[in-house]
Amino acid sequence: MEPLRPDDPRRLGPYDVVARLDADGDRIPVPERRFIARLPGGNRTVLISLPLPGTDPARFAAEAAAARHGLPGPWIAPVVEIGGTAEAPWYASPYLPALPLTAAVAAHQGPLPEHTVRALGAALAEALAALHATGVTHAGLSPAAVLLTTGGPLLTCFGAVRAAAPDGEQRSGLPGLASGSLAPEQLTGGRPRPPGDLYALGSVLAYAATGHLVPERRELPEGLRRTIASCLTREPASRPQATRLLDELMPAAGIAGFAGDPHVPPPTVLGGTVSRASAALGPGWLPGRLIAALARQSAELLAAETVTPTPYGPAAGRAHDSLVAPAPSPLPYSPTAPGPTSPPPPAPSGLPVSPAS
């Protein structure tokens, strides 16, 4: 969570914009401009995404509209509202304290623990398997597109590759696209297909495990080396399907000893879907430094002032604590059902990974 810049919007539809989600200067590109915003009075908080300058707003709006029709599974952030104009569209997802994976690696001051990477991969593989089963390719997975929460990861930026450029056009170097997360066939303009999602997932796990988007194979944890490398092979047909990757990361019998607990719970039902990954996402899946970072974000949001547009300019009016009652804690998103207000929790580059032999 970062302060607003002078050129950032202060109002989007009915929402007052409070802060930016992403920090400036990240080495990993972010496919969208993302803001935390809330209704006047603070009784609803959302994450709002806008297209990057220089990108096609019509393609961005088309992908947002497709996502709003409903994407399966508990690990994909839902699109609940679309607004703006043809030139400046936006969409909103429910907010809860969350760190982009890039910010999480920075907050942890290095690579994430192997059990966290494994749980992250299992949830994302489960999300992709549900999408691919319906004939849909996500085409937007990258480290910046993954948000970490206390309850598990959320996948955002649906269709970012399609929105960046139509099929047949080179996508290398385009705004918002991390070239290390783009499958070779997509870099050259190929149509996004499920094997490209698996390549992107491999790059996400490599980043989480090493802090580098394209690490040397020897940098990867031994227990994940073959699995991640199989996703990053250049040949699409040689990459695993999402269901097979889920089997490797989270066997059906569970992962004994996960987070120090010798009794891993059975798969649970989240949002009407049986989730095997949920067994790995209980207490302890996130390191303490990330829990603390999420707590700070929640506290900073509660303390944040809202710049209110006035007829005299977008930043002429500012709410002050002496004039406006403090906003209540934002209502979190839950994959199962809306819950009560959630209290704050307790307080890179290299050579490409070679495919598995």
Protein backbone atom coordinates (compact mmCIF):
# COMPACT_ATOMS: atom_id res chain seq x y z
CA MET A 1 0.00 0.00 0.00
CA GLU A 2 1.49 3.30 -1.16
CA PRO A 3 0.41 6.98 -1.00
CA LEU A 4 -1.39 8.45 -3.99
CA ARG A 5 0.63 10.39 -6.54
CA PRO A 6 -0.47 13.82 -7.79
CA ASP A 7 -1.72 12.37 -11.09
CA ASP A 8 -3.70 9.52 -9.51
CA PRO A 9 -7.51 9.64 -9.52
CA ARG A 10 -9.21 10.70 -6.29
CA ARG A 11 -12.66 9.40 -7.20
CA LEU A 12 -13.77 6.40 -9.26
CA GLY A 13 -17.52 6.00 -9.58
CA PRO A 14 -18.97 6.14 -6.06
CA TYR A 15 -15.61 5.33 -4.44
CA ASP A 16 -13.07 7.62 -2.80
CA VAL A 17 -9.57 6.49 -3.74
CA VAL A 18 -7.44 5.96 -0.63
CA ALA A 19 -4.09 4.52 -1.75
CA ARG A 20 -2.17 2.66 -4.42
CA LEU A 21 -1.73 -1.07 -3.91
CA ASP A 22 1.58 -1.32 -5.76
CA ALA A 23 4.85 0.45 -5.05
CA ASP A 24 6.59 2.50 -7.71
CA GLY A 25 9.80 1.14 -9.12
CA ASP A 26 9.06 -2.58 -8.82
CA ARG A 27 11.33 -4.58 -11.09
CA ILE A 28 8.42 -6.83 -12.01
CA PRO A 29 5.84 -5.01 -14.17
CA VAL A 30 2.25 -4.71 -12.94
CA PRO A 31 -0.36 -5.27 -15.70
CA GLU A 32 -2.83 -2.75 -14.25
CA ARG A 33 -3.00 0.38 -12.10
CA ARG A 34 -4.49 -0.81 -8.80
CA PHE A 35 -6.02 1.33 -6.08
CA ILE A 36 -7.66 0.72 -2.73
CA ALA A 37 -10.90 2.71 -2.54
CA ARG A 38 -13.95 2.91 -0.31
CA LEU A 39 -17.43 4.33 -0.22
CA PRO A 40 -17.93 7.56 1.70
CA GLY A 41 -18.41 6.52 5.31
CA GLY A 42 -16.08 3.55 4.86
CA ASN A 43 -18.68 0.77 4.94
CA ARG A 44 -17.36 -0.87 1.77
CA THR A 45 -13.77 -1.17 0.56
CA VAL A 46 -12.71 -2.44 -2.85
CA LEU A 47 -9.64 -2.96 -4.99
CA ILE A 48 -10.06 -1.03 -8.26
CA SER A 49 -8.02 -1.75 -11.38
CA LEU A 50 -7.48 0.58 -14.35
CA PRO A 51 -5.62 0.05 -17.63
CA LEU A 52 -2.05 1.26 -17.88
CA PRO A 53 -1.35 4.42 -19.88
CA GLY A 54 -0.66 3.59 -23.49
CA THR A 55 -2.67 0.36 -23.48
CA ASP A 56 -5.97 -0.25 -25.26
CA PRO A 57 -8.86 0.52 -22.87
CA ALA A 58 -11.33 -1.40 -25.06
CA ARG A 59 -9.39 -4.66 -24.70
CA PHE A 60 -9.02 -4.05 -20.96
CA ALA A 61 -12.79 -3.51 -20.63
CA ALA A 62 -13.54 -6.65 -22.65
CA GLU A 63 -11.42 -8.82 -20.36
CA ALA A 64 -13.01 -7.25 -17.25
CA ALA A 65 -16.48 -7.94 -18.65
CA ALA A 66 -15.55 -11.56 -19.33
CA ALA A 67 -14.23 -11.96 -15.79
CA ARG A 68 -17.40 -10.49 -14.32
CA HIS A 69 -19.44 -13.37 -15.73
CA GLY A 70 -17.79 -15.54 -13.09
CA LEU A 71 -14.52 -17.42 -12.89
CA PRO A 72 -14.57 -20.74 -11.02
CA GLY A 73 -12.81 -21.56 -7.79
CA PRO A 74 -11.97 -19.81 -4.52
CA TRP A 75 -8.49 -18.60 -5.48
CA ILE A 76 -9.50 -16.14 -8.22
CA ALA A 77 -10.46 -12.62 -7.15
CA PRO A 78 -13.99 -11.98 -8.45
CA VAL A 79 -14.91 -8.92 -10.52
CA VAL A 80 -18.00 -7.50 -8.83
CA GLU A 81 -18.39 -4.10 -10.50
CA ILE A 82 -17.44 -2.39 -13.76
CA GLY A 83 -17.49 1.36 -14.34
CA GLY A 84 -15.87 4.30 -16.04
CA THR A 85 -16.04 5.31 -19.69
CA ALA A 86 -14.89 3.78 -22.95
CA GLU A 87 -11.67 5.80 -22.67
CA ALA A 88 -11.14 5.18 -18.94
CA PRO A 89 -12.73 1.89 -17.80
CA TRP A 90 -12.23 0.31 -14.39
CA TYR A 91 -13.35 -2.75 -12.49
CA ALA A 92 -13.61 -3.53 -8.80
CA SER A 93 -12.97 -6.61 -6.66
CA PRO A 94 -13.71 -7.00 -2.95
CA TYR A 95 -10.83 -5.83 -0.79
CA LEU A 96 -9.08 -7.58 2.03
CA PRO A 97 -5.53 -7.03 3.31
CA ALA A 98 -3.29 -8.47 0.61
CA LEU A 99 0.30 -8.27 -0.59
CA PRO A 100 1.30 -8.67 -4.24
CA LEU A 101 3.81 -11.50 -4.42
CA THR A 102 6.51 -8.99 -5.34
CA ALA A 103 5.81 -7.01 -2.16
CA ALA A 104 5.69 -10.22 -0.13
CA VAL A 105 9.18 -11.27 -1.23
CA ALA A 106 10.42 -7.77 -0.38
CA ALA A 107 8.71 -7.81 3.03
CA HIS A 108 10.20 -11.22 3.78
CA GLN A 109 13.60 -9.88 2.71
CA GLY A 110 14.23 -12.82 0.46
CA PRO A 111 12.74 -16.02 -0.95
CA LEU A 112 9.70 -17.50 0.73
CA PRO A 113 9.87 -20.80 2.66
CA GLU A 114 9.40 -23.95 0.61
CA HIS A 115 6.16 -24.92 2.38
CA THR A 116 4.73 -21.47 1.51
CA VAL A 117 5.78 -21.82 -2.14
CA ARG A 118 4.28 -25.31 -2.31
CA ALA A 119 0.97 -24.14 -0.83
CA LEU A 120 0.92 -21.15 -3.19
CA GLY A 121 1.54 -23.38 -6.17
CA ALA A 122 -1.15 -25.85 -5.14
CA ALA A 123 -3.77 -23.11 -4.88
CA LEU A 124 -2.82 -21.54 -8.22
CA ALA A 125 -2.73 -24.94 -9.93
CA GLU A 126 -6.18 -25.64 -8.54
CA ALA A 127 -7.42 -22.29 -9.88
CA LEU A 128 -5.97 -22.95 -13.33
CA ALA A 129 -7.36 -26.50 -13.41
CA ALA A 130 -10.86 -25.14 -12.75
CA LEU A 131 -10.45 -22.51 -15.48
CA HIS A 132 -9.02 -24.90 -18.04
CA ALA A 133 -11.82 -27.40 -17.38
CA THR A 134 -14.25 -24.75 -18.67
CA GLY A 135 -12.14 -24.01 -21.75
CA VAL A 136 -10.81 -20.69 -20.41
CA THR A 137 -7.18 -19.57 -20.35
CA HIS A 138 -6.27 -17.03 -17.67
CA ALA A 139 -3.56 -15.29 -19.73
CA GLY A 140 -2.50 -12.92 -16.98
CA LEU A 141 -0.55 -14.89 -14.38
CA SER A 142 2.65 -13.20 -13.17
CA PRO A 143 4.19 -12.41 -9.76
CA ALA A 144 2.39 -9.05 -9.68
CA ALA A 145 -0.95 -10.72 -10.46
CA VAL A 146 -0.82 -12.92 -7.35
CA LEU A 147 -2.04 -11.42 -4.07
CA LEU A 148 -1.21 -13.15 -0.79
CA THR A 149 -3.74 -13.03 2.04
CA THR A 150 -3.96 -14.82 5.36
CA GLY A 151 -6.55 -17.18 3.87
CA GLY A 152 -4.62 -18.03 0.70
CA PRO A 153 -3.58 -16.47 -2.61
CA LEU A 154 -5.89 -14.61 -4.98
CA LEU A 155 -5.24 -14.55 -8.71
CA THR A 156 -5.96 -11.23 -10.46
CA CYS A 157 -5.25 -9.53 -13.82
CA PHE A 158 -7.40 -11.91 -15.87
CA GLY A 159 -6.62 -11.59 -19.59
CA ALA A 160 -3.67 -9.20 -19.21
CA VAL A 161 -1.78 -10.85 -22.09
CA ARG A 162 -4.80 -10.64 -24.40
CA ALA A 163 -5.41 -7.04 -23.35
CA ALA A 164 -1.79 -6.05 -24.03
CA ALA A 165 -1.87 -7.01 -27.71
CA PRO A 166 -4.06 -9.08 -30.04
CA ASP A 167 -2.93 -12.45 -31.32
CA GLY A 168 -0.36 -12.18 -34.07
CA GLU A 169 1.45 -9.16 -32.61
CA GLN A 170 4.74 -9.27 -30.75
CA ARG A 171 4.22 -8.91 -26.99
CA SER A 172 7.82 -8.62 -25.87
CA GLY A 173 8.47 -5.34 -24.06
CA LEU A 174 4.85 -4.24 -23.86
CA PRO A 175 3.74 -2.22 -20.80
CA GLY A 176 2.73 -4.34 -17.82
CA LEU A 177 3.96 -7.67 -19.14
CA ALA A 178 6.80 -9.47 -17.36
CA SER A 179 8.68 -11.14 -20.20
CA GLY A 180 9.95 -13.85 -17.86
CA SER A 181 6.34 -14.92 -17.19
CA LEU A 182 5.34 -15.03 -20.85
CA ALA A 183 5.64 -18.36 -22.61
CA PRO A 184 7.85 -18.19 -25.71
CA GLU A 185 4.86 -18.80 -27.99
CA GLN A 186 3.01 -15.85 -26.43
CA LEU A 187 5.98 -13.49 -26.73
CA THR A 188 5.87 -13.93 -30.48
CA GLY A 189 2.13 -13.29 -30.71
CA GLY A 190 0.67 -16.76 -30.28
CA ARG A 191 -2.82 -17.18 -28.90
CA PRO A 192 -2.82 -17.68 -25.11
CA ARG A 193 -3.60 -21.31 -24.29
CA PRO A 194 -3.46 -23.41 -21.10
CA PRO A 195 0.21 -24.44 -21.54
CA GLY A 196 1.08 -20.75 -21.41
CA ASP A 197 -0.66 -20.48 -18.04
CA LEU A 198 1.52 -23.34 -16.75
CA TYR A 199 4.67 -21.60 -17.97
CA ALA A 200 3.58 -18.46 -16.13
CA LEU A 201 2.86 -20.48 -12.99
CA GLY A 202 6.37 -21.94 -13.14
CA SER A 203 7.81 -18.42 -13.29
CA VAL A 204 5.68 -17.34 -10.32
CA LEU A 205 6.88 -20.26 -8.21
CA ALA A 206 10.47 -19.66 -9.30
CA TYR A 207 10.17 -16.04 -8.20
CA ALA A 208 8.61 -16.96 -4.87
CA ALA A 209 11.30 -19.57 -4.20
CA THR A 210 14.36 -17.53 -5.27
CA GLY A 211 13.43 -13.85 -5.56
CA HIS A 212 14.34 -14.00 -9.27
CA LEU A 213 11.93 -14.25 -12.15
CA VAL A 214 14.30 -16.34 -14.28
CA PRO A 215 16.71 -18.05 -11.85
CA GLU A 216 19.36 -20.64 -12.44
CA ARG A 217 18.01 -24.14 -11.98
CA ARG A 218 20.42 -24.78 -9.11
CA GLU A 219 18.88 -21.85 -7.18
CA LEU A 220 15.54 -23.63 -6.91
CA PRO A 221 14.79 -25.66 -3.76
CA GLU A 222 15.63 -29.30 -4.39
CA GLY A 223 12.10 -30.42 -3.47
CA LEU A 224 10.55 -28.14 -6.11
CA ARG A 225 13.28 -28.06 -8.76
CA ARG A 226 11.92 -30.69 -11.11
CA THR A 227 8.31 -29.51 -10.75
CA ILE A 228 9.09 -25.87 -11.53
CA ALA A 229 11.50 -26.71 -14.34
CA SER A 230 8.84 -28.88 -16.04
CA CYS A 231 6.58 -25.82 -16.29
CA LEU A 232 9.33 -23.69 -17.80
CA THR A 233 10.22 -25.92 -20.71
CA ARG A 234 10.00 -24.11 -24.06
CA GLU A 235 7.88 -26.80 -25.70
CA PRO A 236 4.19 -26.29 -24.76
CA ALA A 237 3.28 -29.95 -25.17
CA SER A 238 5.95 -30.93 -22.63
CA ARG A 239 4.54 -28.80 -19.82
CA PRO A 240 2.33 -30.53 -17.25
CA GLN A 241 -1.38 -29.95 -17.07
CA ALA A 242 -2.64 -28.05 -14.04
CA THR A 243 -4.19 -31.18 -12.53
CA ARG A 244 -0.89 -33.06 -12.71
CA LEU A 245 0.95 -30.13 -11.19
CA LEU A 246 -1.56 -30.09 -8.33
CA ASP A 247 -0.88 -33.79 -7.76
CA GLU A 248 2.85 -33.10 -7.52
CA LEU A 249 2.49 -30.13 -5.18
CA MET A 250 -0.35 -31.47 -3.05
CA PRO A 251 -0.84 -35.23 -3.29
CA ALA A 252 -4.40 -36.40 -2.75
CA ALA A 253 -3.40 -37.91 0.60
CA GLY A 254 -2.16 -34.50 1.79
CA ILE A 255 1.27 -33.25 2.77
CA ALA A 256 2.26 -34.86 6.04
CA GLY A 257 3.83 -32.52 8.49
CA PHE A 258 2.78 -29.32 6.72
CA ALA A 259 3.43 -26.25 8.89
CA GLY A 260 4.50 -28.51 11.71
CA ASP A 261 1.15 -30.35 11.94
CA PRO A 262 1.44 -34.13 11.39
CA HIS A 263 -2.31 -34.38 10.70
CA VAL A 264 -3.19 -32.53 7.52
CA PRO A 265 -6.94 -31.88 7.22
CA PRO A 266 -8.88 -33.42 4.35
CA PRO A 267 -9.98 -31.38 1.34
CA THR A 268 -12.66 -28.83 2.19
CA VAL A 269 -15.44 -27.16 0.28
CA LEU A 270 -14.88 -23.48 -0.52
CA GLY A 271 -17.42 -21.58 -2.58
CA GLY A 272 -19.09 -24.83 -3.60
CA THR A 273 -15.80 -26.32 -4.83
CA VAL A 274 -13.81 -29.12 -3.22
CA SER A 275 -10.38 -27.62 -2.51
CA ARG A 276 -7.36 -29.84 -1.93
CA ALA A 277 -5.10 -26.80 -1.71
CA SER A 278 -7.02 -25.52 1.31
CA ALA A 279 -5.35 -28.22 3.41
CA ALA A 280 -2.02 -26.44 2.92
CA LEU A 281 -3.34 -22.94 3.60
CA GLY A 282 -4.16 -23.11 7.29
CA PRO A 283 -2.41 -21.22 10.09
CA GLY A 284 1.31 -21.09 9.45
CA TRP A 285 1.20 -21.03 5.68
CA LEU A 286 2.51 -17.44 5.64
CA PRO A 287 5.73 -16.43 7.42
CA GLY A 288 5.45 -14.07 10.37
CA ARG A 289 6.95 -11.12 8.51
CA LEU A 290 4.14 -11.28 5.97
CA ILE A 291 1.49 -11.50 8.68
CA ALA A 292 3.01 -8.38 10.20
CA ALA A 293 3.02 -6.62 6.82
CA LEU A 294 -0.66 -7.43 6.34
CA ALA A 295 -1.41 -6.08 9.80
CA ARG A 296 0.39 -2.83 8.95
CA GLN A 297 -1.58 -2.48 5.73
CA SER A 298 -4.85 -2.91 7.59
CA ALA A 299 -3.84 -0.34 10.21
CA GLU A 300 -2.64 2.15 7.59
CA LEU A 301 -5.89 1.84 5.68
CA LEU A 302 -7.92 2.54 8.80
CA ALA A 303 -5.83 5.62 9.48
CA ALA A 304 -5.80 6.86 5.88
CA GLU A 305 -7.48 10.15 5.05
CA THR A 306 -9.59 10.46 1.93
CA VAL A 307 -9.03 13.23 -0.58
CA THR A 308 -12.48 14.36 -1.66
CA PRO A 309 -12.94 16.05 -5.07
CA THR A 310 -14.48 19.51 -4.97
CA PRO A 311 -15.44 22.08 -7.62
CA TYR A 312 -12.10 23.76 -6.98
CA GLY A 313 -9.91 20.79 -7.85
CA PRO A 314 -9.41 17.10 -7.16
CA ALA A 315 -7.34 17.65 -4.03
CA ALA A 316 -8.95 20.78 -2.63
CA GLY A 317 -10.94 19.05 0.08
CA ARG A 318 -9.42 16.65 2.59
CA ALA A 319 -11.15 14.77 5.35
CA HIS A 320 -9.60 15.32 8.76
CA ASP A 321 -9.91 13.13 11.82
CA SER A 322 -11.37 16.06 13.78
CA LEU A 323 -14.22 16.41 11.29
CA VAL A 324 -14.95 12.88 10.16
CA ALA A 325 -15.43 9.80 12.32
CA PRO A 326 -12.82 7.10 11.73
CA ALA A 327 -13.82 4.60 9.06
CA PRO A 328 -14.73 1.12 10.29
CA SER A 329 -12.55 -1.83 9.45
CA PRO A 330 -13.01 -2.85 5.77
CA LEU A 331 -15.16 -5.88 5.12
CA PRO A 332 -12.92 -8.69 3.85
CA TYR A 333 -13.51 -10.93 0.90
CA SER A 334 -14.10 -14.56 1.82
CA PRO A 335 -14.20 -17.43 -0.67
CA THR A 336 -17.04 -18.98 1.31
CA ALA A 337 -19.35 -16.25 2.44
CA PRO A 338 -19.23 -12.67 3.67
CA GLY A 339 -17.93 -12.70 7.21
CA PRO A 340 -17.68 -10.22 10.03
CA THR A 341 -15.14 -7.50 10.09
CA SER A 342 -11.70 -9.06 10.14
CA PRO A 343 -9.39 -7.73 12.86
CA PRO A 344 -5.80 -7.11 11.87
CA PRO A 345 -3.75 -10.29 12.17
CA PRO A 346 -1.01 -10.46 14.79
CA ALA A 347 1.18 -8.11 14.74
CA PRO A 348 16.20 -10.47 -9.29
CA SER A 349 17.42 -11.82 -12.91
CA GLY A 350 19.49 -14.75 -14.27
CA LEU A 351 19.71 -17.45 -16.93
CA PRO A 352 16.52 -19.34 -17.87
CA VAL A 353 15.69 -22.47 -15.93
CA SER A 354 16.41 -25.50 -18.06
CA PRO A 355 13.63 -28.08 -18.46
CA ALA A 356 13.57 -31.21 -16.40
CA SER A 357 15.59 -34.01 -17.84
